[in-house]
Amino acid sequence: MSGKNQHVVPHADGWAVRGAGNSRATSIHGTQRDAIDAARGIAQNQHSELLIHGRNGQIRDRDSYGGDPFPPRG
């Protein structure tokens, strides 16, 4: 079973890591790089996805740490 996807989103104090569906941030970081590193660790532990948002709020990158089929289908 997979955990919640982790989102790196802009925050008033820098960047925040927020689990999908959560209203509160899991952690707040001064730089996007620090937030991405923290979110990546959580996503790997929970076998979920990491979604990185830009300053405009749109998803600019994503990584999956879930049970992806290998080789990929399709």
N, C-alpha and C. Protein backbone atom coordinates (compact mmCIF):
# COMPACT_ATOMS: atom_id res chain seq x y z
N MET A 1 0.85 -1.19 0.00
CA MET A 1 0.00 0.00 0.00
C MET A 1 0.89 1.24 0.00
N SER A 2 0.55 2.21 -0.82
CA SER A 2 1.33 3.43 -0.93
C SER A 2 0.87 4.47 0.07
N GLY A 3 1.80 5.36 0.45
CA GLY A 3 1.47 6.47 1.33
C GLY A 3 0.99 7.66 0.52
N LYS A 4 0.87 8.79 1.19
CA LYS A 4 0.41 10.01 0.53
C LYS A 4 1.51 10.58 -0.35
N ASN A 5 1.11 11.10 -1.50
CA ASN A 5 2.06 11.80 -2.35
C ASN A 5 2.54 13.05 -1.61
N GLN A 6 3.79 13.40 -1.81
CA GLN A 6 4.40 14.55 -1.14
C GLN A 6 4.56 15.68 -2.14
N HIS A 7 4.09 16.86 -1.76
CA HIS A 7 4.15 18.04 -2.61
C HIS A 7 5.12 19.05 -2.02
N VAL A 8 5.98 19.61 -2.86
CA VAL A 8 6.83 20.74 -2.47
C VAL A 8 6.16 21.98 -3.04
N VAL A 9 5.70 22.86 -2.15
CA VAL A 9 4.91 24.02 -2.56
C VAL A 9 5.47 25.31 -1.98
N PRO A 10 5.22 26.45 -2.66
CA PRO A 10 5.66 27.73 -2.10
C PRO A 10 4.96 28.00 -0.76
N HIS A 11 5.67 28.67 0.13
CA HIS A 11 5.15 28.99 1.47
C HIS A 11 5.61 30.40 1.82
N ALA A 12 4.90 31.06 2.70
CA ALA A 12 5.26 32.43 3.10
C ALA A 12 6.69 32.51 3.65
N ASP A 13 7.15 31.44 4.27
CA ASP A 13 8.49 31.42 4.86
C ASP A 13 9.51 30.69 3.98
N GLY A 14 9.20 30.47 2.72
CA GLY A 14 10.12 29.77 1.82
C GLY A 14 9.38 28.70 1.03
N TRP A 15 9.64 27.43 1.39
CA TRP A 15 9.03 26.29 0.71
C TRP A 15 8.54 25.30 1.76
N ALA A 16 7.44 24.61 1.45
CA ALA A 16 6.86 23.66 2.38
C ALA A 16 6.72 22.29 1.73
N VAL A 17 6.79 21.27 2.58
CA VAL A 17 6.48 19.91 2.18
C VAL A 17 5.09 19.62 2.74
N ARG A 18 4.19 19.17 1.88
CA ARG A 18 2.81 18.92 2.31
C ARG A 18 2.35 17.59 1.73
N GLY A 19 1.81 16.72 2.56
CA GLY A 19 1.23 15.47 2.10
C GLY A 19 -0.08 15.76 1.38
N ALA A 20 -0.38 14.96 0.37
CA ALA A 20 -1.61 15.14 -0.41
C ALA A 20 -2.82 15.11 0.51
N GLY A 21 -3.68 16.12 0.39
CA GLY A 21 -4.89 16.19 1.18
C GLY A 21 -4.73 16.83 2.54
N ASN A 22 -3.50 17.09 2.96
CA ASN A 22 -3.26 17.72 4.26
C ASN A 22 -3.42 19.23 4.15
N SER A 23 -4.01 19.84 5.17
CA SER A 23 -4.14 21.29 5.18
C SER A 23 -2.90 21.95 5.76
N ARG A 24 -2.17 21.23 6.62
CA ARG A 24 -0.97 21.79 7.23
C ARG A 24 0.29 21.21 6.59
N ALA A 25 1.33 22.01 6.58
CA ALA A 25 2.61 21.57 6.02
C ALA A 25 3.27 20.58 6.97
N THR A 26 3.94 19.58 6.39
CA THR A 26 4.71 18.62 7.17
C THR A 26 5.96 19.30 7.70
N SER A 27 6.62 20.10 6.84
CA SER A 27 7.81 20.85 7.24
C SER A 27 7.97 22.07 6.35
N ILE A 28 8.70 23.06 6.85
CA ILE A 28 8.94 24.31 6.12
C ILE A 28 10.44 24.51 6.01
N HIS A 29 10.88 24.95 4.83
CA HIS A 29 12.31 25.08 4.55
C HIS A 29 12.60 26.42 3.89
N GLY A 30 13.81 26.90 4.07
CA GLY A 30 14.22 28.17 3.50
C GLY A 30 14.44 28.12 2.00
N THR A 31 14.86 26.96 1.49
CA THR A 31 15.11 26.83 0.06
C THR A 31 14.30 25.68 -0.52
N GLN A 32 14.04 25.76 -1.82
CA GLN A 32 13.32 24.69 -2.48
C GLN A 32 14.14 23.40 -2.45
N ARG A 33 15.45 23.51 -2.59
CA ARG A 33 16.33 22.34 -2.59
C ARG A 33 16.19 21.57 -1.27
N ASP A 34 16.18 22.28 -0.13
CA ASP A 34 16.03 21.63 1.17
C ASP A 34 14.67 20.95 1.28
N ALA A 35 13.63 21.61 0.78
CA ALA A 35 12.29 21.04 0.82
C ALA A 35 12.20 19.79 -0.05
N ILE A 36 12.83 19.83 -1.23
CA ILE A 36 12.82 18.68 -2.13
C ILE A 36 13.53 17.50 -1.47
N ASP A 37 14.67 17.75 -0.84
CA ASP A 37 15.42 16.67 -0.17
C ASP A 37 14.58 16.03 0.93
N ALA A 38 13.89 16.85 1.72
CA ALA A 38 13.05 16.32 2.80
C ALA A 38 11.88 15.52 2.24
N ALA A 39 11.22 16.07 1.22
CA ALA A 39 10.06 15.41 0.62
C ALA A 39 10.47 14.11 -0.07
N ARG A 40 11.65 14.08 -0.68
CA ARG A 40 12.12 12.88 -1.35
C ARG A 40 12.29 11.73 -0.34
N GLY A 41 12.85 12.04 0.82
CA GLY A 41 13.01 11.02 1.85
C GLY A 41 11.67 10.45 2.31
N ILE A 42 10.69 11.32 2.49
CA ILE A 42 9.35 10.89 2.91
C ILE A 42 8.72 10.03 1.82
N ALA A 43 8.80 10.48 0.57
CA ALA A 43 8.20 9.75 -0.55
C ALA A 43 8.84 8.37 -0.71
N GLN A 44 10.15 8.28 -0.53
CA GLN A 44 10.82 7.00 -0.63
C GLN A 44 10.37 6.06 0.48
N ASN A 45 10.26 6.57 1.71
CA ASN A 45 9.81 5.75 2.83
C ASN A 45 8.38 5.27 2.66
N GLN A 46 7.53 6.11 2.07
CA GLN A 46 6.11 5.78 1.93
C GLN A 46 5.79 5.14 0.57
N HIS A 47 6.80 4.99 -0.28
CA HIS A 47 6.59 4.43 -1.63
C HIS A 47 5.51 5.19 -2.37
N SER A 48 5.66 6.52 -2.40
CA SER A 48 4.67 7.37 -3.05
C SER A 48 5.36 8.28 -4.07
N GLU A 49 4.66 9.30 -4.53
CA GLU A 49 5.22 10.22 -5.52
C GLU A 49 5.64 11.53 -4.88
N LEU A 50 6.66 12.14 -5.48
CA LEU A 50 7.12 13.47 -5.11
C LEU A 50 6.72 14.41 -6.24
N LEU A 51 5.96 15.46 -5.91
CA LEU A 51 5.53 16.44 -6.90
C LEU A 51 6.11 17.79 -6.51
N ILE A 52 6.87 18.39 -7.42
CA ILE A 52 7.54 19.66 -7.16
C ILE A 52 6.81 20.76 -7.91
N HIS A 53 6.33 21.75 -7.17
CA HIS A 53 5.61 22.88 -7.74
C HIS A 53 6.55 24.07 -7.90
N GLY A 54 6.30 24.89 -8.90
CA GLY A 54 7.04 26.13 -9.09
C GLY A 54 6.41 27.24 -8.27
N ARG A 55 6.99 28.43 -8.33
CA ARG A 55 6.45 29.59 -7.60
C ARG A 55 5.01 29.90 -8.00
N ASN A 56 4.65 29.57 -9.25
CA ASN A 56 3.29 29.84 -9.73
C ASN A 56 2.28 28.78 -9.28
N GLY A 57 2.75 27.75 -8.57
CA GLY A 57 1.88 26.71 -8.06
C GLY A 57 1.69 25.52 -8.98
N GLN A 58 2.11 25.63 -10.23
CA GLN A 58 1.95 24.53 -11.18
C GLN A 58 3.05 23.49 -10.97
N ILE A 59 2.71 22.23 -11.19
CA ILE A 59 3.69 21.15 -11.06
C ILE A 59 4.72 21.30 -12.16
N ARG A 60 6.00 21.32 -11.76
CA ARG A 60 7.07 21.45 -12.75
C ARG A 60 7.91 20.19 -12.88
N ASP A 61 7.80 19.28 -11.89
CA ASP A 61 8.56 18.04 -11.95
C ASP A 61 7.92 17.03 -11.01
N ARG A 62 8.17 15.75 -11.28
CA ARG A 62 7.65 14.71 -10.39
C ARG A 62 8.56 13.49 -10.46
N ASP A 63 8.64 12.78 -9.34
CA ASP A 63 9.39 11.53 -9.25
C ASP A 63 8.51 10.51 -8.54
N SER A 64 8.58 9.27 -8.98
CA SER A 64 7.78 8.22 -8.37
C SER A 64 8.69 7.24 -7.64
N TYR A 65 8.31 6.93 -6.41
CA TYR A 65 9.05 5.96 -5.60
C TYR A 65 8.13 4.81 -5.20
N GLY A 66 7.04 4.65 -5.94
CA GLY A 66 6.07 3.59 -5.64
C GLY A 66 6.43 2.30 -6.34
N GLY A 67 5.45 1.41 -6.40
CA GLY A 67 5.65 0.10 -7.01
C GLY A 67 5.41 0.15 -8.50
N ASP A 68 6.19 0.93 -9.20
CA ASP A 68 6.04 1.03 -10.65
C ASP A 68 6.39 -0.29 -11.31
N PRO A 69 5.61 -0.69 -12.32
CA PRO A 69 5.93 -1.93 -13.02
C PRO A 69 7.20 -1.75 -13.85
N PHE A 70 8.04 -2.78 -13.84
CA PHE A 70 9.25 -2.73 -14.65
C PHE A 70 9.30 -3.99 -15.47
N PRO A 71 9.43 -4.02 -16.75
CA PRO A 71 9.53 -2.82 -17.58
C PRO A 71 8.19 -2.09 -17.66
N PRO A 72 8.24 -0.80 -18.00
CA PRO A 72 7.00 -0.02 -18.08
C PRO A 72 6.06 -0.58 -19.13
N ARG A 73 4.78 -0.51 -18.85
CA ARG A 73 3.77 -0.98 -19.79
C ARG A 73 3.55 0.06 -20.88
N GLY A 74 3.17 -0.41 -22.06
CA GLY A 74 2.76 0.51 -23.10
C GLY A 74 3.84 0.80 -24.05
